[in-house]
């Protein structure tokens, strides 16, 4: 790849890292061209893009975006999944695909500024996606409209519980991301937080 092309790729990846709700990293060694095409189609259905980029270019893009990633996330053939929609839905696609194609390995990523390990990425895939929640809420709402007042009130309570559960599971997912927000000053932020706690 000529230098101007590399510069363009780095700039594009850097912009995608900053604009996407999540960037998930996977190893794809052993997947066929047809496998990758199938994975890309499935991810596009959930507003996510699967990009194969050389690790050297990804490292430059990460630095240009003011982020940092552990070295083990950028070893071996690595692809980036950029999520423009719900990161839970895209992570579910990756997890299901990896179960059928073990050659696809979820390595971790960055979700809403938080660094995720491979284990945390798998935990993210267990959450309800936005589409799943809306589908359940629509079902409850339709039941509410068809029921008398007392039963309708019970249905509304169920909707409130669904929303509360969804909010709680997203909060818990954020708490599992033990690392501080990804950025050049992430370490300083962690030290400041520790100093504040000691002083209180």
Protein backbone atom coordinates (compact mmCIF):
# COMPACT_ATOMS: atom_id res chain seq x y z
CA UNK A 1 0.00 0.00 0.00
CA UNK A 2 1.43 3.37 -1.02
CA UNK A 3 2.07 5.95 1.69
CA UNK A 4 -0.79 8.32 0.70
CA UNK A 5 -3.20 5.36 0.87
CA UNK A 6 -1.91 4.40 4.34
CA UNK A 7 -2.37 7.96 5.54
CA UNK A 8 -5.95 7.95 4.24
CA UNK A 9 -6.71 4.61 5.91
CA UNK A 10 -5.29 5.79 9.25
CA UNK A 11 -7.35 8.99 9.07
CA UNK A 12 -10.52 7.05 8.25
CA UNK A 13 -10.02 4.48 11.03
CA UNK A 14 -9.22 7.24 13.52
CA UNK A 15 -12.44 9.05 12.62
CA UNK A 16 -14.47 5.83 12.89
CA UNK A 17 -12.99 5.12 16.33
CA UNK A 18 -14.17 8.50 17.55
CA UNK A 19 -17.59 8.51 15.91
CA UNK A 20 -18.71 4.92 16.54
CA UNK A 21 -20.54 3.84 19.68
CA UNK A 22 -18.20 0.84 19.87
CA UNK A 23 -15.21 -0.75 18.17
CA UNK A 24 -14.84 -4.49 18.73
CA UNK A 25 -11.67 -6.39 17.82
CA UNK A 26 -11.64 -9.96 16.55
CA UNK A 27 -9.11 -12.39 15.19
CA UNK A 28 -10.24 -13.94 11.93
CA UNK A 29 -7.39 -16.34 11.12
CA UNK A 30 -8.82 -19.40 9.33
CA UNK A 31 -12.06 -17.80 8.09
CA UNK A 32 -12.73 -18.12 4.38
CA UNK A 33 -13.65 -15.25 2.09
CA UNK A 34 -17.24 -16.51 2.04
CA UNK A 35 -17.28 -16.62 5.86
CA UNK A 36 -16.16 -13.02 6.07
CA UNK A 37 -18.71 -11.93 3.48
CA UNK A 38 -21.46 -13.63 5.46
CA UNK A 39 -20.32 -11.99 8.70
CA UNK A 40 -20.23 -8.56 7.06
CA UNK A 41 -23.80 -9.00 5.78
CA UNK A 42 -25.07 -9.97 9.23
CA UNK A 43 -23.34 -7.02 10.89
CA UNK A 44 -24.64 -4.54 8.30
CA UNK A 45 -28.17 -5.51 9.33
CA UNK A 46 -27.34 -4.01 12.74
CA UNK A 47 -25.56 -0.87 11.48
CA UNK A 48 -22.09 -2.29 12.05
CA UNK A 49 -19.11 -2.46 9.71
CA UNK A 50 -16.42 -5.17 9.70
CA UNK A 51 -13.02 -3.89 8.59
CA UNK A 52 -9.78 -5.83 8.18
CA UNK A 53 -6.91 -3.42 8.85
CA UNK A 54 -3.20 -3.99 9.38
CA UNK A 55 -2.21 -3.75 13.04
CA UNK A 56 0.43 -1.10 12.33
CA UNK A 57 -2.20 1.17 10.77
CA UNK A 58 -4.69 0.49 13.57
CA UNK A 59 -2.06 1.44 16.17
CA UNK A 60 -1.48 4.76 14.43
CA UNK A 61 -5.22 5.40 14.14
CA UNK A 62 -5.73 4.59 17.83
CA UNK A 63 -2.98 7.05 18.79
CA UNK A 64 -4.37 9.74 16.46
CA UNK A 65 -7.79 9.28 18.11
CA UNK A 66 -6.24 9.94 21.52
CA UNK A 67 -6.84 6.39 22.68
CA UNK A 68 -4.70 3.48 23.82
CA UNK A 69 -5.18 -0.27 23.53
CA UNK A 70 -3.31 -3.17 25.16
CA UNK A 71 -0.75 -4.76 22.86
CA UNK A 72 -2.46 -8.16 23.02
CA UNK A 73 -5.52 -6.74 21.25
CA UNK A 74 -3.40 -5.95 18.22
CA UNK A 75 -1.49 -9.17 17.70
CA UNK A 76 -2.22 -11.60 14.89
CA UNK A 77 -4.68 -10.90 12.05
CA UNK A 78 -7.13 -8.45 13.62
CA UNK A 79 -10.33 -6.92 12.29
CA UNK A 80 -12.36 -4.03 13.67
CA UNK A 81 -16.14 -3.99 13.97
CA UNK A 82 -17.42 -0.40 14.07
CA UNK A 83 -20.89 -0.08 15.60
CA UNK A 84 -23.04 2.85 14.54
CA UNK A 85 -26.12 1.40 16.23
CA UNK A 86 -26.63 -0.66 19.38
CA UNK A 87 -23.29 -2.29 20.30
CA UNK A 88 -25.15 -5.08 22.09
CA UNK A 89 -26.78 -6.21 18.85
CA UNK A 90 -23.47 -6.23 16.96
CA UNK A 91 -21.73 -8.10 19.77
CA UNK A 92 -24.48 -10.72 19.70
CA UNK A 93 -23.84 -11.23 15.98
CA UNK A 94 -20.11 -11.72 16.60
CA UNK A 95 -20.73 -14.13 19.48
CA UNK A 96 -23.23 -16.26 17.54
CA UNK A 97 -20.93 -16.33 14.51
CA UNK A 98 -17.95 -17.35 16.66
CA UNK A 99 -19.97 -20.23 18.09
CA UNK A 100 -20.52 -21.58 14.57
CA UNK A 101 -17.06 -20.56 13.34
CA UNK A 102 -14.51 -21.01 16.15
CA UNK A 103 -11.84 -19.37 13.98
CA UNK A 104 -13.46 -16.03 14.82
CA UNK A 105 -12.16 -14.98 18.23
CA UNK A 106 -13.56 -11.96 20.07
CA UNK A 107 -10.57 -10.20 21.64
CA UNK A 108 -12.25 -7.20 23.30
CA UNK A 109 -12.78 -3.62 22.28
CA UNK A 110 -13.94 -0.16 23.26
CA UNK A 111 -17.60 0.59 24.04
CA UNK A 112 -18.65 4.17 24.72
CA UNK A 113 -15.11 5.06 25.77
CA UNK A 114 -14.62 2.06 28.06
CA UNK A 115 -12.06 -0.66 27.38
CA UNK A 116 -13.57 -4.15 27.32
CA UNK A 117 -11.76 -7.45 27.72
CA UNK A 118 -12.79 -10.54 25.77
CA UNK A 119 -14.79 -11.78 28.77
CA UNK A 120 -16.58 -8.46 29.14
CA UNK A 121 -17.41 -8.42 25.43
CA UNK A 122 -19.04 -11.83 25.81
CA UNK A 123 -20.98 -10.51 28.81
CA UNK A 124 -22.16 -7.58 26.70
CA UNK A 125 -23.58 -10.05 24.18
CA UNK A 126 -25.79 -11.53 26.93
CA UNK A 127 -27.65 -8.25 27.47
CA UNK A 128 -30.94 -7.42 25.81
CA UNK A 129 -30.47 -5.44 22.64
CA UNK A 130 -32.53 -2.31 22.00
CA UNK A 131 -34.56 -4.15 19.36
CA UNK A 132 -35.36 -7.01 21.74
CA UNK A 133 -36.49 -4.61 24.45
CA UNK A 134 -38.68 -2.62 22.05
CA UNK A 135 -40.25 -5.85 20.79
CA UNK A 136 -41.12 -6.93 24.34
CA UNK A 137 -42.48 -3.48 25.19
CA UNK A 138 -44.64 -3.47 22.05
CA UNK A 139 -46.10 -6.83 23.03
CA UNK A 140 -46.92 -5.62 26.53
CA UNK A 141 -48.37 -2.36 25.20
CA UNK A 142 -50.67 -4.21 22.82
CA UNK A 143 -51.88 -6.36 25.71
CA UNK A 144 -52.52 -3.25 27.79
CA UNK A 145 -54.73 -1.72 25.08
CA UNK A 146 -56.85 -4.86 24.91
CA UNK A 147 -57.43 -5.20 28.69
CA UNK A 148 -59.75 -3.62 31.29
CA UNK A 149 -58.41 -0.82 33.49
CA UNK A 150 -57.16 -2.95 36.39
CA UNK A 151 -55.31 -5.39 34.13
CA UNK A 152 -53.99 -2.51 32.05
CA UNK A 153 -52.43 -1.02 35.16
CA UNK A 154 -50.64 -4.33 35.78
CA UNK A 155 -49.40 -4.28 32.21
CA UNK A 156 -48.03 -0.76 32.61
CA UNK A 157 -46.20 -1.90 35.73
CA UNK A 158 -44.64 -4.71 33.70
CA UNK A 159 -43.48 -2.21 31.11
CA UNK A 160 -41.88 -0.12 33.85
CA UNK A 161 -40.09 -3.20 35.19
CA UNK A 162 -38.78 -4.03 31.72
CA UNK A 163 -37.40 -0.53 31.30
CA UNK A 164 -35.86 -0.61 34.76
CA UNK A 165 -34.26 -4.00 34.11
CA UNK A 166 -32.82 -2.81 30.81
CA UNK A 167 -31.40 0.31 32.45
CA UNK A 168 -29.90 -1.76 35.27
CA UNK A 169 -28.25 -4.31 32.94
CA UNK A 170 -26.67 -1.52 30.88
CA UNK A 171 -25.34 0.06 34.08
CA UNK A 172 -23.96 -3.30 35.22
CA UNK A 173 -22.29 -3.79 31.84
CA UNK A 174 -20.61 -0.43 32.25
CA UNK A 175 -19.42 -1.34 35.73
CA UNK A 176 -17.81 -4.56 34.45
CA UNK A 177 -15.50 -2.46 32.30
CA UNK A 178 -12.95 -2.17 35.05
CA UNK A 179 -10.56 -0.03 33.04
CA UNK A 180 -10.93 3.78 33.09
CA UNK A 181 -12.13 5.64 29.97
CA UNK A 182 -9.76 4.98 27.11
CA UNK A 183 -7.56 7.96 26.43
CA UNK A 184 -4.11 9.31 26.68
CA UNK A 185 -4.75 10.51 30.27
CA UNK A 186 -6.54 7.35 31.44
CA UNK A 187 -3.84 6.45 33.97
CA UNK A 188 -3.88 9.96 35.50
CA UNK A 189 -7.67 9.78 35.85
CA UNK A 190 -7.40 6.50 37.76
CA UNK A 191 -4.71 7.92 40.09
CA UNK A 192 -6.80 11.04 40.76
CA UNK A 193 -9.82 8.87 41.63
CA UNK A 194 -7.74 6.78 44.01
CA UNK A 195 -6.33 9.90 45.71
CA UNK A 196 -9.83 11.32 46.13
CA UNK A 197 -11.02 8.10 47.74
CA UNK A 198 -8.10 8.03 50.15
CA UNK A 199 -8.68 11.58 51.20
CA UNK A 200 -12.40 11.15 51.93
